[in-house]
Amino acid sequence: MPRMKLRATRVRISRLCAIWILCLLPVPASARQASRPAASDFPPLQQWKSAIVNHNQSALVSLYSAVPPAVAKIPQGTAHDPSEEPRFWELLESDGLADFNPKILQIERPRPDVAVLTLRIEMKLRSKSGPQPAIVEAAQLWEQQDGGWRILRTQRTDPAPDPNFQLPQPANPDVNLYPPPREARAEIAAALKSAATDHKRVILVFGANWCYDCHVLNSAFHAPGIAPLVSANYHVVHINIGEGDKNLDLADEYGVPLHQVVRVPSLAVLEWNGKVIYSQKNGEFDDSARLSPADIVQFLKKWAPPRNE
């Protein structure tokens, strides 16, 4: 196999991954509201990772559904051959795959026997200048079959260069970072009530668990040099936009334009009384690779309550 060339442009997790996968699964409408998982661990994914890392092709193939045959949506189209995905990873192995690390960004459980994962898969691939960091963005639908878990549907990108983040990245993204969309108004009300008492301001972060930049920004807010500034001045509310179709009315209310182009994370800053003093207009935070810790500190200091200036 010729050495795989990495695309020069950055790819993002497609929020359509899980939609495409779920639409191919016969899930009753009453079950479409996914339950919140208790943790980000999903043991079958560890089996999948182990098969790839240990070059165990037979074990990898066994994790894909044979009946019905696994379907893969890839950049070249839709493949109905269940060997498509195992072959893709086998070819990457021969191309110097190393430091293989799939991160779960989101887990949906539309049924007890079904799990839909949104993944950011980090790795290194051989190049003329040595191993280079790369990512594949993917979604997988797992279903219990005959007492074991099998992959029924997948969607993925081709490998792309991993952006050079200056902000800290989460080792294990919090799959519950963004609560269900229906809870947004109550959480804003609670934050404003607290702000009225402690004289802090409220940061609204519009985003979703499938958004890796949202997880990176959250890690930055909890970094040692930044967390004290956040806790002293702000209440942070994460507002779930679903698959780009939830809480857009809230975004409008707070002056964050998400209707035409969904760019997240998008932020707004509120006074204790709900008055908007800042709203993101031009994707200032939606690409965390552009940001440094100094950028985050500057923003937090600029919009902190006057008493702390």
Foldseek 3Di string as FASTA:
>chain_A
DPADDADADDDWAQLCQVVVVVVVDPFDPVLPQFDADPFQDDVVVVQCVVCLVVVPLVSNLVQADVVCGAWEQEPVGIDSHNCVVSVVSNVQVVQPKAPWDKAFLAWGPSDPFKIKTWIWIWTWGQDPVGTAIKIKTKMWMWGDDPNRIHTRYMYIYPIHGDFQFQFDADSHFGNCPAPPQVCQVVVVVVFLVVCVVLVAKEKEWEDHSSGRLVSRVVSLCVDPVRVVLDVNHYDYHYHYCNSLPGCCVVCVVQVEDSPPPHQGRWMWMAGSVRHTPDGDYDNPRRDNSVDHSVNVVVVSVVPGRPVVD
